[in-house]
Amino acid sequence: MSEMTVTDARSRLSEAVDTARVSHEPVYLLRRGRRVAALIDAEDLARLIEAAEDLEDLRAANTARTEMAETGEGPVPWEEVKAELGLA
């Protein structure tokens, strides 16, 4: 894990980007001693976004299962969904 001030990052941006890209560790940018931003590898960010989206999908599915269990309603058959959408 690397840290540098925002001022240092201005003058050493290429170095900071290379550090984040090669090490796959964030480079935290500090202002007045506090972390205010982080540089990370673009592919690492893409994986994090995908993982967050997958987690949200899992949460939504669990919520739907809980609602079905609480209401006693089962899943809607695919043929019924297609018919309602005019796709059958």
N, C-alpha and C. Protein backbone atom coordinates (compact mmCIF):
# COMPACT_ATOMS: atom_id res chain seq x y z
N MET A 1 0.85 -1.17 0.00
CA MET A 1 0.00 0.00 0.00
C MET A 1 0.90 1.23 0.00
N SER A 2 0.63 2.12 -0.94
CA SER A 2 1.40 3.35 -1.05
C SER A 2 0.53 4.55 -0.73
N GLU A 3 1.16 5.55 -0.23
CA GLU A 3 0.47 6.82 0.03
C GLU A 3 1.36 7.96 -0.45
N MET A 4 0.73 9.00 -0.96
CA MET A 4 1.46 10.21 -1.32
C MET A 4 0.49 11.39 -1.26
N THR A 5 1.04 12.53 -1.04
CA THR A 5 0.18 13.72 -0.99
C THR A 5 -0.31 14.04 -2.39
N VAL A 6 -1.39 14.77 -2.46
CA VAL A 6 -1.92 15.20 -3.75
C VAL A 6 -0.87 16.05 -4.47
N THR A 7 -0.17 16.88 -3.72
CA THR A 7 0.88 17.72 -4.32
C THR A 7 1.97 16.85 -4.94
N ASP A 8 2.42 15.81 -4.22
CA ASP A 8 3.42 14.91 -4.78
C ASP A 8 2.88 14.18 -6.01
N ALA A 9 1.62 13.79 -5.96
CA ALA A 9 1.02 13.07 -7.07
C ALA A 9 1.00 13.92 -8.34
N ARG A 10 0.82 15.22 -8.19
CA ARG A 10 0.84 16.10 -9.37
C ARG A 10 2.17 15.99 -10.10
N SER A 11 3.24 16.00 -9.33
CA SER A 11 4.56 16.00 -9.96
C SER A 11 5.05 14.58 -10.28
N ARG A 12 4.43 13.57 -9.69
CA ARG A 12 4.88 12.19 -9.88
C ARG A 12 3.74 11.30 -10.36
N LEU A 13 2.83 11.85 -11.15
CA LEU A 13 1.64 11.11 -11.56
C LEU A 13 2.00 9.82 -12.30
N SER A 14 2.93 9.89 -13.23
CA SER A 14 3.31 8.70 -13.98
C SER A 14 3.80 7.59 -13.05
N GLU A 15 4.61 7.95 -12.08
CA GLU A 15 5.12 6.98 -11.11
C GLU A 15 3.98 6.39 -10.29
N ALA A 16 3.04 7.22 -9.86
CA ALA A 16 1.91 6.74 -9.05
C ALA A 16 1.05 5.78 -9.86
N VAL A 17 0.79 6.11 -11.10
CA VAL A 17 -0.01 5.24 -11.96
C VAL A 17 0.70 3.91 -12.17
N ASP A 18 1.98 3.96 -12.47
CA ASP A 18 2.74 2.73 -12.67
C ASP A 18 2.75 1.86 -11.42
N THR A 19 2.87 2.47 -10.26
CA THR A 19 2.86 1.71 -9.00
C THR A 19 1.53 0.99 -8.83
N ALA A 20 0.43 1.69 -9.06
CA ALA A 20 -0.89 1.07 -8.92
C ALA A 20 -1.09 -0.03 -9.95
N ARG A 21 -0.64 0.22 -11.17
CA ARG A 21 -0.83 -0.74 -12.25
C ARG A 21 -0.01 -2.00 -12.05
N VAL A 22 1.25 -1.85 -11.67
CA VAL A 22 2.15 -2.99 -11.54
C VAL A 22 1.91 -3.78 -10.25
N SER A 23 1.71 -3.08 -9.15
CA SER A 23 1.57 -3.76 -7.86
C SER A 23 0.15 -4.25 -7.60
N HIS A 24 -0.82 -3.74 -8.35
CA HIS A 24 -2.24 -4.05 -8.12
C HIS A 24 -2.65 -3.70 -6.69
N GLU A 25 -1.98 -2.72 -6.13
CA GLU A 25 -2.31 -2.16 -4.82
C GLU A 25 -2.69 -0.70 -5.03
N PRO A 26 -3.67 -0.20 -4.29
CA PRO A 26 -4.03 1.21 -4.46
C PRO A 26 -2.91 2.14 -4.00
N VAL A 27 -2.84 3.28 -4.65
CA VAL A 27 -1.97 4.37 -4.21
C VAL A 27 -2.92 5.43 -3.65
N TYR A 28 -2.88 5.62 -2.34
CA TYR A 28 -3.78 6.56 -1.69
C TYR A 28 -3.21 7.97 -1.78
N LEU A 29 -4.06 8.91 -2.12
CA LEU A 29 -3.67 10.31 -2.17
C LEU A 29 -4.14 11.01 -0.91
N LEU A 30 -3.22 11.75 -0.31
CA LEU A 30 -3.48 12.38 0.98
C LEU A 30 -3.58 13.89 0.83
N ARG A 31 -4.49 14.46 1.59
CA ARG A 31 -4.59 15.91 1.72
C ARG A 31 -4.71 16.19 3.21
N ARG A 32 -3.79 16.98 3.73
CA ARG A 32 -3.74 17.27 5.17
C ARG A 32 -3.71 15.99 6.00
N GLY A 33 -2.98 14.99 5.50
CA GLY A 33 -2.81 13.75 6.23
C GLY A 33 -3.96 12.76 6.15
N ARG A 34 -5.01 13.12 5.42
CA ARG A 34 -6.18 12.24 5.29
C ARG A 34 -6.29 11.71 3.87
N ARG A 35 -6.67 10.46 3.74
CA ARG A 35 -6.89 9.87 2.42
C ARG A 35 -8.10 10.53 1.77
N VAL A 36 -7.91 11.03 0.56
CA VAL A 36 -9.01 11.68 -0.15
C VAL A 36 -9.35 11.01 -1.48
N ALA A 37 -8.43 10.18 -1.97
CA ALA A 37 -8.65 9.49 -3.24
C ALA A 37 -7.67 8.33 -3.33
N ALA A 38 -7.90 7.50 -4.34
CA ALA A 38 -6.99 6.38 -4.56
C ALA A 38 -6.85 6.12 -6.05
N LEU A 39 -5.65 5.79 -6.47
CA LEU A 39 -5.40 5.35 -7.84
C LEU A 39 -5.34 3.84 -7.82
N ILE A 40 -6.09 3.20 -8.73
CA ILE A 40 -6.02 1.75 -8.83
C ILE A 40 -5.94 1.37 -10.30
N ASP A 41 -5.46 0.16 -10.55
CA ASP A 41 -5.37 -0.36 -11.91
C ASP A 41 -6.77 -0.45 -12.52
N ALA A 42 -6.90 -0.10 -13.79
CA ALA A 42 -8.20 -0.07 -14.45
C ALA A 42 -8.86 -1.46 -14.48
N GLU A 43 -8.07 -2.50 -14.71
CA GLU A 43 -8.64 -3.86 -14.73
C GLU A 43 -9.11 -4.27 -13.33
N ASP A 44 -8.37 -3.85 -12.31
CA ASP A 44 -8.80 -4.14 -10.94
C ASP A 44 -10.13 -3.44 -10.66
N LEU A 45 -10.28 -2.21 -11.12
CA LEU A 45 -11.54 -1.48 -10.94
C LEU A 45 -12.68 -2.20 -11.64
N ALA A 46 -12.44 -2.66 -12.86
CA ALA A 46 -13.48 -3.38 -13.60
C ALA A 46 -13.93 -4.62 -12.84
N ARG A 47 -12.96 -5.35 -12.27
CA ARG A 47 -13.31 -6.55 -11.48
C ARG A 47 -14.09 -6.18 -10.23
N LEU A 48 -13.71 -5.08 -9.58
CA LEU A 48 -14.44 -4.64 -8.38
C LEU A 48 -15.88 -4.25 -8.72
N ILE A 49 -16.06 -3.55 -9.82
CA ILE A 49 -17.40 -3.15 -10.24
C ILE A 49 -18.24 -4.39 -10.55
N GLU A 50 -17.66 -5.34 -11.27
CA GLU A 50 -18.37 -6.57 -11.60
C GLU A 50 -18.76 -7.34 -10.34
N ALA A 51 -17.84 -7.42 -9.39
CA ALA A 51 -18.13 -8.12 -8.14
C ALA A 51 -19.24 -7.41 -7.37
N ALA A 52 -19.23 -6.09 -7.35
CA ALA A 52 -20.28 -5.33 -6.66
C ALA A 52 -21.63 -5.56 -7.32
N GLU A 53 -21.65 -5.59 -8.66
CA GLU A 53 -22.90 -5.83 -9.37
C GLU A 53 -23.41 -7.25 -9.10
N ASP A 54 -22.50 -8.22 -9.08
CA ASP A 54 -22.89 -9.60 -8.77
C ASP A 54 -23.47 -9.70 -7.36
N LEU A 55 -22.83 -9.02 -6.42
CA LEU A 55 -23.33 -9.04 -5.04
C LEU A 55 -24.72 -8.41 -4.96
N GLU A 56 -24.94 -7.32 -5.67
CA GLU A 56 -26.25 -6.68 -5.67
C GLU A 56 -27.30 -7.62 -6.27
N ASP A 57 -26.94 -8.34 -7.35
CA ASP A 57 -27.86 -9.32 -7.94
C ASP A 57 -28.22 -10.41 -6.94
N LEU A 58 -27.22 -10.89 -6.20
CA LEU A 58 -27.48 -11.93 -5.19
C LEU A 58 -28.40 -11.41 -4.09
N ARG A 59 -28.18 -10.18 -3.67
CA ARG A 59 -29.05 -9.59 -2.64
C ARG A 59 -30.48 -9.45 -3.15
N ALA A 60 -30.63 -9.02 -4.40
CA ALA A 60 -31.97 -8.87 -4.98
C ALA A 60 -32.66 -10.23 -5.08
N ALA A 61 -31.92 -11.26 -5.47
CA ALA A 61 -32.50 -12.60 -5.57
C ALA A 61 -32.91 -13.10 -4.19
N ASN A 62 -32.08 -12.87 -3.19
CA ASN A 62 -32.44 -13.29 -1.82
C ASN A 62 -33.67 -12.54 -1.32
N THR A 63 -33.76 -11.26 -1.63
CA THR A 63 -34.94 -10.48 -1.24
C THR A 63 -36.19 -11.04 -1.91
N ALA A 64 -36.08 -11.37 -3.19
CA ALA A 64 -37.23 -11.93 -3.92
C ALA A 64 -37.64 -13.27 -3.32
N ARG A 65 -36.66 -14.11 -2.98
CA ARG A 65 -36.98 -15.40 -2.36
C ARG A 65 -37.68 -15.21 -1.01
N THR A 66 -37.20 -14.25 -0.24
CA THR A 66 -37.81 -13.98 1.06
C THR A 66 -39.24 -13.50 0.89
N GLU A 67 -39.45 -12.59 -0.07
CA GLU A 67 -40.81 -12.09 -0.32
C GLU A 67 -41.74 -13.21 -0.77
N MET A 68 -41.24 -14.11 -1.63
CA MET A 68 -42.07 -15.23 -2.08
C MET A 68 -42.42 -16.13 -0.90
N ALA A 69 -41.47 -16.38 -0.02
CA ALA A 69 -41.73 -17.23 1.14
C ALA A 69 -42.73 -16.58 2.08
N GLU A 70 -42.63 -15.26 2.27
CA GLU A 70 -43.52 -14.55 3.18
C GLU A 70 -44.94 -14.46 2.64
N THR A 71 -45.09 -14.31 1.33
CA THR A 71 -46.43 -14.15 0.74
C THR A 71 -47.03 -15.48 0.32
N GLY A 72 -46.19 -16.53 0.27
CA GLY A 72 -46.69 -17.83 -0.17
C GLY A 72 -46.81 -17.94 -1.67
N GLU A 73 -46.39 -16.91 -2.38
CA GLU A 73 -46.44 -16.95 -3.84
C GLU A 73 -45.16 -17.59 -4.37
N GLY A 74 -45.33 -18.39 -5.40
CA GLY A 74 -44.17 -19.03 -6.02
C GLY A 74 -43.70 -18.20 -7.20
N PRO A 75 -42.70 -18.69 -7.87
CA PRO A 75 -42.21 -17.98 -9.05
C PRO A 75 -43.25 -18.04 -10.17
N VAL A 76 -43.21 -17.05 -11.05
CA VAL A 76 -44.12 -16.99 -12.19
C VAL A 76 -43.50 -17.82 -13.31
N PRO A 77 -44.25 -18.76 -13.86
CA PRO A 77 -43.72 -19.58 -14.95
C PRO A 77 -43.33 -18.72 -16.16
N TRP A 78 -42.24 -19.12 -16.82
CA TRP A 78 -41.72 -18.37 -17.96
C TRP A 78 -42.76 -18.21 -19.06
N GLU A 79 -43.54 -19.24 -19.33
CA GLU A 79 -44.57 -19.16 -20.37
C GLU A 79 -45.60 -18.08 -20.04
N GLU A 80 -45.93 -17.94 -18.75
CA GLU A 80 -46.88 -16.89 -18.34
C GLU A 80 -46.27 -15.50 -18.53
N VAL A 81 -45.00 -15.34 -18.21
CA VAL A 81 -44.32 -14.05 -18.40
C VAL A 81 -44.31 -13.69 -19.88
N LYS A 82 -43.96 -14.65 -20.73
CA LYS A 82 -43.94 -14.38 -22.18
C LYS A 82 -45.32 -13.99 -22.68
N ALA A 83 -46.35 -14.67 -22.21
CA ALA A 83 -47.71 -14.36 -22.65
C ALA A 83 -48.10 -12.94 -22.23
N GLU A 84 -47.75 -12.55 -20.99
CA GLU A 84 -48.09 -11.22 -20.50
C GLU A 84 -47.36 -10.13 -21.30
N LEU A 85 -46.17 -10.44 -21.78
CA LEU A 85 -45.39 -9.47 -22.56
C LEU A 85 -45.69 -9.55 -24.05
N GLY A 86 -46.59 -10.45 -24.45
CA GLY A 86 -46.93 -10.60 -25.84
C GLY A 86 -45.84 -11.27 -26.67
N LEU A 87 -45.04 -12.09 -26.03
CA LEU A 87 -43.92 -12.74 -26.71
C LEU A 87 -44.22 -14.21 -27.05
N ALA A 88 -45.38 -14.69 -26.59
CA ALA A 88 -45.69 -16.11 -26.79
C ALA A 88 -46.32 -16.34 -28.14
